[in-house]
Amino acid sequence: MISTDDRKLVGQSVYEQLRSDIVTGVLSPGEKLKLNALRLRYSASVNTLRETLMRLVSDGFVQFVDQKGFTVKPVSSADLYELLELRQMLELSGVRKSMENTEGHMGWKSALISAHFRLYCIEKRMMEDEGGQVQRWEKADRDFHVIMVSHCGSQQLIRYHASVIELYMRYQVLALHRRPFRGRASMDDHQALLTALLDDDIDAVLALLNSHIDKGLALPDTDLTTAMASTAKIRQPA
């Protein structure tokens, strides 16, 4: 008999696989998620998959409609720009509060340095093997920005920011299939942010961060969400 702990581990593993496949576009925006097909694909029971899909509905990656079932949440310009606005509002406020919170400041800065080093290493690998590193890059980039906000002193702000940036990063990962990784420019942005954070230069951090987030929308010659919506099945990263 499978223990409760084992079931939790299986459920978490299936959740992470499904979430990753949605974020990277292996499961396309708007794609219907049929339980029998998913059961074979992820080697999980129907009950585990149903629980996992409801969790992804709650997280904003999947939609559920009575009588129609589950689908991957479609992409749209309205959704993207709403996430952009929310991310800027929450992240800039959170970073400011984190920098103003002097208690435990050294520990927070140490965490920033560690997260930045991981991101720097992954960004270098991304320039050499984008397809094979995209999942690691998405997590490392998200972690760095989450830690920037983590010292703000507001658990609600931290929670809402983490949720918004997860959904926002889905758009960034899907966009990689129509445009190249920003590479050196992204690395320079993150290095400048880290330097300003360590120097306690709040004005510089807020200006750099606002610009950095805006750059995530840049996609030459076409609308970002049109490009992503027209993306067919894509290669699953190694």
C-alpha atoms as a PDB file:
ATOM      1  CA  MET A   1       0.000   0.000   0.000  1.00  0.00           C
ATOM      2  CA  ILE A   2       1.291   3.480  -0.910  1.00  0.00           C
ATOM      3  CA  SER A   3       1.797   5.678   2.133  1.00  0.00           C
ATOM      4  CA  THR A   4       0.392   9.195   2.481  1.00  0.00           C
ATOM      5  CA  ASP A   5       3.904  10.656   2.181  1.00  0.00           C
ATOM      6  CA  ASP A   6       4.554   8.676  -1.010  1.00  0.00           C
ATOM      7  CA  ARG A   7       1.280   9.922  -2.508  1.00  0.00           C
ATOM      8  CA  LYS A   8       2.275  13.483  -1.688  1.00  0.00           C
ATOM      9  CA  LEU A   9       5.645  12.994  -3.385  1.00  0.00           C
ATOM     10  CA  VAL A  10       3.987  11.524  -6.478  1.00  0.00           C
ATOM     11  CA  GLY A  11       1.466  14.368  -6.563  1.00  0.00           C
ATOM     12  CA  GLN A  12       4.196  16.995  -6.262  1.00  0.00           C
ATOM     13  CA  SER A  13       6.249  15.341  -9.018  1.00  0.00           C
ATOM     14  CA  VAL A  14       3.254  15.262 -11.373  1.00  0.00           C
ATOM     15  CA  TYR A  15       2.448  18.881 -10.510  1.00  0.00           C
ATOM     16  CA  GLU A  16       5.999  19.988 -11.332  1.00  0.00           C
ATOM     17  CA  GLN A  17       6.029  18.060 -14.627  1.00  0.00           C
ATOM     18  CA  LEU A  18       2.670  19.452 -15.727  1.00  0.00           C
ATOM     19  CA  ARG A  19       3.508  22.978 -14.687  1.00  0.00           C
ATOM     20  CA  SER A  20       6.842  22.811 -16.518  1.00  0.00           C
ATOM     21  CA  ASP A  21       5.180  21.458 -19.680  1.00  0.00           C
ATOM     22  CA  ILE A  22       2.639  24.309 -19.587  1.00  0.00           C
ATOM     23  CA  VAL A  23       5.247  27.008 -18.934  1.00  0.00           C
ATOM     24  CA  THR A  24       7.566  25.765 -21.699  1.00  0.00           C
ATOM     25  CA  GLY A  25       4.752  25.223 -24.222  1.00  0.00           C
ATOM     26  CA  VAL A  26       5.020  21.437 -24.464  1.00  0.00           C
ATOM     27  CA  LEU A  27       1.335  21.640 -23.599  1.00  0.00           C
ATOM     28  CA  SER A  28       0.147  24.459 -25.832  1.00  0.00           C
ATOM     29  CA  PRO A  29      -2.035  27.418 -24.752  1.00  0.00           C
ATOM     30  CA  GLY A  30      -5.682  26.395 -25.124  1.00  0.00           C
ATOM     31  CA  GLU A  31      -4.898  22.667 -25.392  1.00  0.00           C
ATOM     32  CA  LYS A  32      -7.511  20.322 -23.915  1.00  0.00           C
ATOM     33  CA  LEU A  33      -6.158  18.221 -21.045  1.00  0.00           C
ATOM     34  CA  LYS A  34      -7.769  14.779 -21.210  1.00  0.00           C
ATOM     35  CA  LEU A  35      -7.310  12.688 -18.095  1.00  0.00           C
ATOM     36  CA  ASN A  36      -6.798   9.362 -19.875  1.00  0.00           C
ATOM     37  CA  ALA A  37      -4.080  10.776 -22.117  1.00  0.00           C
ATOM     38  CA  LEU A  38      -2.404  12.501 -19.177  1.00  0.00           C
ATOM     39  CA  ARG A  39      -2.554   9.278 -17.143  1.00  0.00           C
ATOM     40  CA  LEU A  40      -0.439   7.516 -19.752  1.00  0.00           C
ATOM     41  CA  ARG A  41       1.883  10.457 -20.307  1.00  0.00           C
ATOM     42  CA  TYR A  42       2.685  11.117 -16.651  1.00  0.00           C
ATOM     43  CA  SER A  43       2.192   7.601 -15.226  1.00  0.00           C
ATOM     44  CA  ALA A  44      -0.208   8.897 -12.608  1.00  0.00           C
ATOM     45  CA  SER A  45      -3.662   7.910 -11.424  1.00  0.00           C
ATOM     46  CA  VAL A  46      -6.740   9.801 -12.552  1.00  0.00           C
ATOM     47  CA  ASN A  47      -7.357  10.969  -8.969  1.00  0.00           C
ATOM     48  CA  THR A  48      -3.808  12.343  -8.680  1.00  0.00           C
ATOM     49  CA  LEU A  49      -4.153  14.101 -12.028  1.00  0.00           C
ATOM     50  CA  ARG A  50      -7.520  15.600 -11.131  1.00  0.00           C
ATOM     51  CA  GLU A  51      -6.112  16.966  -7.859  1.00  0.00           C
ATOM     52  CA  THR A  52      -3.040  18.285  -9.679  1.00  0.00           C
ATOM     53  CA  LEU A  53      -5.111  19.982 -12.376  1.00  0.00           C
ATOM     54  CA  MET A  54      -7.330  21.652  -9.770  1.00  0.00           C
ATOM     55  CA  ARG A  55      -4.173  22.940  -8.084  1.00  0.00           C
ATOM     56  CA  LEU A  56      -3.010  24.330 -11.444  1.00  0.00           C
ATOM     57  CA  VAL A  57      -6.442  25.947 -11.888  1.00  0.00           C
ATOM     58  CA  SER A  58      -5.932  27.659  -8.546  1.00  0.00           C
ATOM     59  CA  ASP A  59      -2.436  28.746  -9.618  1.00  0.00           C
ATOM     60  CA  GLY A  60      -3.737  30.228 -12.893  1.00  0.00           C
ATOM     61  CA  PHE A  61      -2.135  27.827 -15.392  1.00  0.00           C
ATOM     62  CA  VAL A  62      -5.214  25.718 -16.229  1.00  0.00           C
ATOM     63  CA  GLN A  63      -8.902  26.474 -16.822  1.00  0.00           C
ATOM     64  CA  PHE A  64     -11.843  24.257 -15.878  1.00  0.00           C
ATOM     65  CA  VAL A  65     -15.326  24.514 -17.373  1.00  0.00           C
ATOM     66  CA  ASP A  66     -18.230  22.264 -16.348  1.00  0.00           C
ATOM     67  CA  GLN A  67     -19.068  19.670 -18.998  1.00  0.00           C
ATOM     68  CA  LYS A  68     -15.948  20.619 -20.961  1.00  0.00           C
ATOM     69  CA  GLY A  69     -13.148  19.709 -18.584  1.00  0.00           C
ATOM     70  CA  PHE A  70      -9.631  21.078 -18.271  1.00  0.00           C
ATOM     71  CA  THR A  71      -7.639  23.153 -20.756  1.00  0.00           C
ATOM     72  CA  VAL A  72      -4.283  24.932 -20.642  1.00  0.00           C
ATOM     73  CA  LYS A  73      -4.986  28.581 -19.977  1.00  0.00           C
ATOM     74  CA  PRO A  74      -4.773  30.519 -23.273  1.00  0.00           C
ATOM     75  CA  VAL A  75      -2.443  33.495 -23.680  1.00  0.00           C
ATOM     76  CA  SER A  76      -3.710  36.981 -24.433  1.00  0.00           C
ATOM     77  CA  SER A  77      -2.422  40.527 -24.641  1.00  0.00           C
ATOM     78  CA  ALA A  78      -4.862  41.609 -21.930  1.00  0.00           C
ATOM     79  CA  ASP A  79      -3.593  38.938 -19.540  1.00  0.00           C
ATOM     80  CA  LEU A  80       0.056  39.719 -20.295  1.00  0.00           C
ATOM     81  CA  TYR A  81      -0.274  43.447 -19.708  1.00  0.00           C
ATOM     82  CA  GLU A  82      -2.279  42.882 -16.539  1.00  0.00           C
ATOM     83  CA  LEU A  83       0.481  40.612 -15.230  1.00  0.00           C
ATOM     84  CA  LEU A  84       3.094  43.183 -16.251  1.00  0.00           C
ATOM     85  CA  GLU A  85       1.305  45.931 -14.328  1.00  0.00           C
ATOM     86  CA  LEU A  86       0.821  43.738 -11.276  1.00  0.00           C
ATOM     87  CA  ARG A  87       4.414  42.541 -11.331  1.00  0.00           C
ATOM     88  CA  GLN A  88       5.796  46.064 -11.546  1.00  0.00           C
ATOM     89  CA  MET A  89       3.532  47.296  -8.774  1.00  0.00           C
ATOM     90  CA  LEU A  90       4.264  44.405  -6.401  1.00  0.00           C
ATOM     91  CA  GLU A  91       7.946  43.960  -7.191  1.00  0.00           C
ATOM     92  CA  LEU A  92       8.913  47.630  -7.010  1.00  0.00           C
ATOM     93  CA  SER A  93       6.985  48.059  -3.751  1.00  0.00           C
ATOM     94  CA  GLY A  94       8.455  44.851  -2.336  1.00  0.00           C
ATOM     95  CA  VAL A  95      12.022  45.728  -3.266  1.00  0.00           C
ATOM     96  CA  ARG A  96      11.706  49.209  -1.765  1.00  0.00           C
ATOM     97  CA  LYS A  97      10.349  47.752   1.483  1.00  0.00           C
ATOM     98  CA  SER A  98      13.086  45.103   1.498  1.00  0.00           C
ATOM     99  CA  MET A  99      15.800  47.737   1.142  1.00  0.00           C
ATOM    100  CA  GLU A 100      14.264  49.884   3.871  1.00  0.00           C
ATOM    101  CA  ASN A 101      14.011  46.929   6.274  1.00  0.00           C
ATOM    102  CA  THR A 102      17.359  47.053   8.062  1.00  0.00           C
ATOM    103  CA  GLU A 103      16.714  44.087  10.359  1.00  0.00           C
ATOM    104  CA  GLY A 104      18.463  41.006   8.961  1.00  0.00           C
ATOM    105  CA  HIS A 105      19.819  43.055   6.056  1.00  0.00           C
ATOM    106  CA  MET A 106      23.094  41.117   5.761  1.00  0.00           C
ATOM    107  CA  GLY A 107      21.350  37.768   5.540  1.00  0.00           C
ATOM    108  CA  TRP A 108      19.080  39.075   2.776  1.00  0.00           C
ATOM    109  CA  LYS A 109      22.032  40.455   0.832  1.00  0.00           C
ATOM    110  CA  SER A 110      23.854  37.148   1.171  1.00  0.00           C
ATOM    111  CA  ALA A 111      20.801  35.379  -0.272  1.00  0.00           C
ATOM    112  CA  LEU A 112      20.743  37.869  -3.156  1.00  0.00           C
ATOM    113  CA  ILE A 113      24.402  37.214  -3.960  1.00  0.00           C
ATOM    114  CA  SER A 114      23.831  33.449  -3.912  1.00  0.00           C
ATOM    115  CA  ALA A 115      20.697  33.655  -6.100  1.00  0.00           C
ATOM    116  CA  HIS A 116      22.455  35.974  -8.543  1.00  0.00           C
ATOM    117  CA  PHE A 117      25.418  33.608  -8.858  1.00  0.00           C
ATOM    118  CA  ARG A 118      23.096  30.719  -9.753  1.00  0.00           C
ATOM    119  CA  LEU A 119      21.286  32.910 -12.281  1.00  0.00           C
ATOM    120  CA  TYR A 120      24.580  34.143 -13.773  1.00  0.00           C
ATOM    121  CA  CYS A 121      25.763  30.556 -14.296  1.00  0.00           C
ATOM    122  CA  ILE A 122      22.476  29.514 -15.935  1.00  0.00           C
ATOM    123  CA  GLU A 123      22.393  32.610 -18.169  1.00  0.00           C
ATOM    124  CA  LYS A 124      25.862  31.729 -19.456  1.00  0.00           C
ATOM    125  CA  ARG A 125      24.665  28.214 -20.239  1.00  0.00           C
ATOM    126  CA  MET A 126      21.524  29.594 -21.890  1.00  0.00           C
ATOM    127  CA  MET A 127      23.652  31.421 -24.436  1.00  0.00           C
ATOM    128  CA  GLU A 128      25.284  28.112 -25.355  1.00  0.00           C
ATOM    129  CA  ASP A 129      22.294  25.748 -25.146  1.00  0.00           C
ATOM    130  CA  GLU A 130      19.019  27.608 -24.812  1.00  0.00           C
ATOM    131  CA  GLY A 131      16.736  24.627 -25.368  1.00  0.00           C
ATOM    132  CA  GLY A 132      18.467  22.495 -22.764  1.00  0.00           C
ATOM    133  CA  GLN A 133      18.581  25.152 -20.050  1.00  0.00           C
ATOM    134  CA  VAL A 134      15.245  26.948 -20.297  1.00  0.00           C
ATOM    135  CA  GLN A 135      13.619  25.256 -17.292  1.00  0.00           C
ATOM    136  CA  ARG A 136      16.621  25.967 -15.087  1.00  0.00           C
ATOM    137  CA  TRP A 137      16.788  29.550 -16.345  1.00  0.00           C
ATOM    138  CA  GLU A 138      13.100  30.193 -15.644  1.00  0.00           C
ATOM    139  CA  LYS A 139      13.513  29.005 -12.061  1.00  0.00           C
ATOM    140  CA  ALA A 140      16.814  30.838 -11.456  1.00  0.00           C
ATOM    141  CA  ASP A 141      15.468  34.112 -12.882  1.00  0.00           C
ATOM    142  CA  ARG A 142      12.259  33.825 -10.874  1.00  0.00           C
ATOM    143  CA  ASP A 143      14.135  32.928  -7.683  1.00  0.00           C
ATOM    144  CA  PHE A 144      16.391  35.986  -7.952  1.00  0.00           C
ATOM    145  CA  HIS A 145      13.435  38.345  -8.287  1.00  0.00           C
ATOM    146  CA  VAL A 146      11.480  36.576  -5.534  1.00  0.00           C
ATOM    147  CA  ILE A 147      14.413  36.972  -3.145  1.00  0.00           C
ATOM    148  CA  MET A 148      14.597  40.677  -4.004  1.00  0.00           C
ATOM    149  CA  VAL A 149      11.099  41.007  -2.535  1.00  0.00           C
ATOM    150  CA  SER A 150      11.507  38.455   0.267  1.00  0.00           C
ATOM    151  CA  HIS A 151      12.789  40.910   2.906  1.00  0.00           C
ATOM    152  CA  CYS A 152       9.831  43.310   2.636  1.00  0.00           C
ATOM    153  CA  GLY A 153       8.162  42.142   5.845  1.00  0.00           C
ATOM    154  CA  SER A 154       4.756  41.476   4.236  1.00  0.00           C
ATOM    155  CA  GLN A 155       3.815  37.834   3.758  1.00  0.00           C
ATOM    156  CA  GLN A 156       0.816  38.806   1.644  1.00  0.00           C
ATOM    157  CA  LEU A 157       2.944  40.872  -0.729  1.00  0.00           C
ATOM    158  CA  ILE A 158       5.483  38.045  -0.981  1.00  0.00           C
ATOM    159  CA  ARG A 159       2.734  35.512  -1.725  1.00  0.00           C
ATOM    160  CA  TYR A 160       0.974  37.593  -4.381  1.00  0.00           C
ATOM    161  CA  HIS A 161       4.247  38.576  -6.040  1.00  0.00           C
ATOM    162  CA  ALA A 162       5.385  34.940  -6.235  1.00  0.00           C
ATOM    163  CA  SER A 163       2.088  33.976  -7.889  1.00  0.00           C
ATOM    164  CA  VAL A 164       2.184  36.840 -10.411  1.00  0.00           C
ATOM    165  CA  ILE A 165       5.801  36.333 -11.423  1.00  0.00           C
ATOM    166  CA  GLU A 166       5.180  32.618 -12.034  1.00  0.00           C
ATOM    167  CA  LEU A 167       2.410  33.463 -14.481  1.00  0.00           C
ATOM    168  CA  TYR A 168       4.451  36.283 -16.039  1.00  0.00           C
ATOM    169  CA  MET A 169       7.465  34.013 -16.587  1.00  0.00           C
ATOM    170  CA  ARG A 170       5.280  31.649 -18.606  1.00  0.00           C
ATOM    171  CA  TYR A 171       4.965  34.376 -21.222  1.00  0.00           C
ATOM    172  CA  GLN A 172       8.714  34.964 -21.192  1.00  0.00           C
ATOM    173  CA  VAL A 173       9.518  31.280 -21.692  1.00  0.00           C
ATOM    174  CA  LEU A 174       6.950  30.871 -24.479  1.00  0.00           C
ATOM    175  CA  ALA A 175       8.356  33.966 -26.186  1.00  0.00           C
ATOM    176  CA  LEU A 176      11.772  32.295 -26.438  1.00  0.00           C
ATOM    177  CA  HIS A 177      10.383  30.179 -29.257  1.00  0.00           C
ATOM    178  CA  ARG A 178       9.941  33.292 -31.395  1.00  0.00           C
ATOM    179  CA  ARG A 179      12.879  35.374 -30.232  1.00  0.00           C
ATOM    180  CA  PRO A 180      16.339  34.557 -28.869  1.00  0.00           C
ATOM    181  CA  PHE A 181      17.272  34.761 -25.213  1.00  0.00           C
ATOM    182  CA  ARG A 182      18.416  38.307 -24.374  1.00  0.00           C
ATOM    183  CA  GLY A 183      21.745  36.872 -23.251  1.00  0.00           C
ATOM    184  CA  ARG A 184      24.384  39.430 -22.363  1.00  0.00           C
ATOM    185  CA  ALA A 185      21.825  42.242 -22.035  1.00  0.00           C
ATOM    186  CA  SER A 186      19.889  40.225 -19.441  1.00  0.00           C
ATOM    187  CA  MET A 187      23.095  39.371 -17.576  1.00  0.00           C
ATOM    188  CA  ASP A 188      24.099  43.046 -17.528  1.00  0.00           C
ATOM    189  CA  ASP A 189      20.669  44.035 -16.176  1.00  0.00           C
ATOM    190  CA  HIS A 190      20.888  41.524 -13.337  1.00  0.00           C
ATOM    191  CA  GLN A 191      24.457  42.506 -12.479  1.00  0.00           C
ATOM    192  CA  ALA A 192      23.498  46.186 -12.370  1.00  0.00           C
ATOM    193  CA  LEU A 193      20.519  45.352 -10.153  1.00  0.00           C
ATOM    194  CA  LEU A 194      22.682  43.355  -7.746  1.00  0.00           C
ATOM    195  CA  THR A 195      25.287  46.125  -7.544  1.00  0.00           C
ATOM    196  CA  ALA A 196      22.645  48.780  -6.793  1.00  0.00           C
ATOM    197  CA  LEU A 197      20.981  46.511  -4.229  1.00  0.00           C
ATOM    198  CA  LEU A 198      24.251  45.911  -2.402  1.00  0.00           C
ATOM    199  CA  ASP A 199      25.012  49.654  -2.528  1.00  0.00           C
ATOM    200  CA  ASP A 200      21.592  50.467  -0.994  1.00  0.00           C
ATOM    201  CA  ASP A 201      20.799  52.750  -3.933  1.00  0.00           C
ATOM    202  CA  ILE A 202      17.005  52.590  -3.880  1.00  0.00           C
ATOM    203  CA  ASP A 203      16.415  55.052  -6.741  1.00  0.00           C
ATOM    204  CA  ALA A 204      18.808  53.189  -9.033  1.00  0.00           C
ATOM    205  CA  VAL A 205      17.259  49.817  -8.166  1.00  0.00           C
ATOM    206  CA  LEU A 206      13.714  51.012  -8.892  1.00  0.00           C
ATOM    207  CA  ALA A 207      14.712  52.599 -12.208  1.00  0.00           C
ATOM    208  CA  LEU A 208      16.715  49.545 -13.305  1.00  0.00           C
ATOM    209  CA  LEU A 209      13.992  47.122 -12.257  1.00  0.00           C
ATOM    210  CA  ASN A 210      11.209  49.014 -13.991  1.00  0.00           C
ATOM    211  CA  SER A 211      13.238  49.117 -17.214  1.00  0.00           C
ATOM    212  CA  HIS A 212      14.225  45.453 -16.889  1.00  0.00           C
ATOM    213  CA  ILE A 213      10.628  44.294 -16.587  1.00  0.00           C
ATOM    214  CA  ASP A 214       9.545  46.474 -19.528  1.00  0.00           C
ATOM    215  CA  LYS A 215      12.232  44.907 -21.722  1.00  0.00           C
ATOM    216  CA  GLY A 216      10.551  41.545 -21.277  1.00  0.00           C
ATOM    217  CA  LEU A 217       7.801  42.697 -23.655  1.00  0.00           C
ATOM    218  CA  ALA A 218      10.136  43.545 -26.512  1.00  0.00           C
ATOM    219  CA  LEU A 219       9.517  41.290 -29.513  1.00  0.00           C
ATOM    220  CA  PRO A 220      10.516  42.695 -32.914  1.00  0.00           C
ATOM    221  CA  ASP A 221       8.170  42.575 -35.889  1.00  0.00           C
ATOM    222  CA  THR A 222       5.165  40.951 -34.221  1.00  0.00           C
ATOM    223  CA  ASP A 223       2.837  41.023 -31.253  1.00  0.00           C
ATOM    224  CA  LEU A 224       4.125  38.890 -28.380  1.00  0.00           C
ATOM    225  CA  THR A 225       0.933  37.018 -27.631  1.00  0.00           C
ATOM    226  CA  THR A 226       0.177  36.440 -31.330  1.00  0.00           C
ATOM    227  CA  ALA A 227       3.571  34.794 -31.670  1.00  0.00           C
ATOM    228  CA  MET A 228       2.974  32.582 -28.656  1.00  0.00           C
ATOM    229  CA  ALA A 229      -0.586  31.683 -29.556  1.00  0.00           C
ATOM    230  CA  SER A 230       0.586  30.537 -32.998  1.00  0.00           C
ATOM    231  CA  THR A 231       3.325  28.371 -31.518  1.00  0.00           C
ATOM    232  CA  ALA A 232       2.610  24.723 -32.221  1.00  0.00           C
ATOM    233  CA  LYS A 233       3.969  21.839 -30.176  1.00  0.00           C
ATOM    234  CA  ILE A 234       7.545  22.584 -29.277  1.00  0.00           C
ATOM    235  CA  ARG A 235      10.537  20.528 -28.261  1.00  0.00           C
ATOM    236  CA  GLN A 236      10.627  19.571 -24.615  1.00  0.00           C
ATOM    237  CA  PRO A 237      13.861  20.808 -23.017  1.00  0.00           C
ATOM    238  CA  ALA A 238      16.359  18.142 -22.017  1.00  0.00           C
END
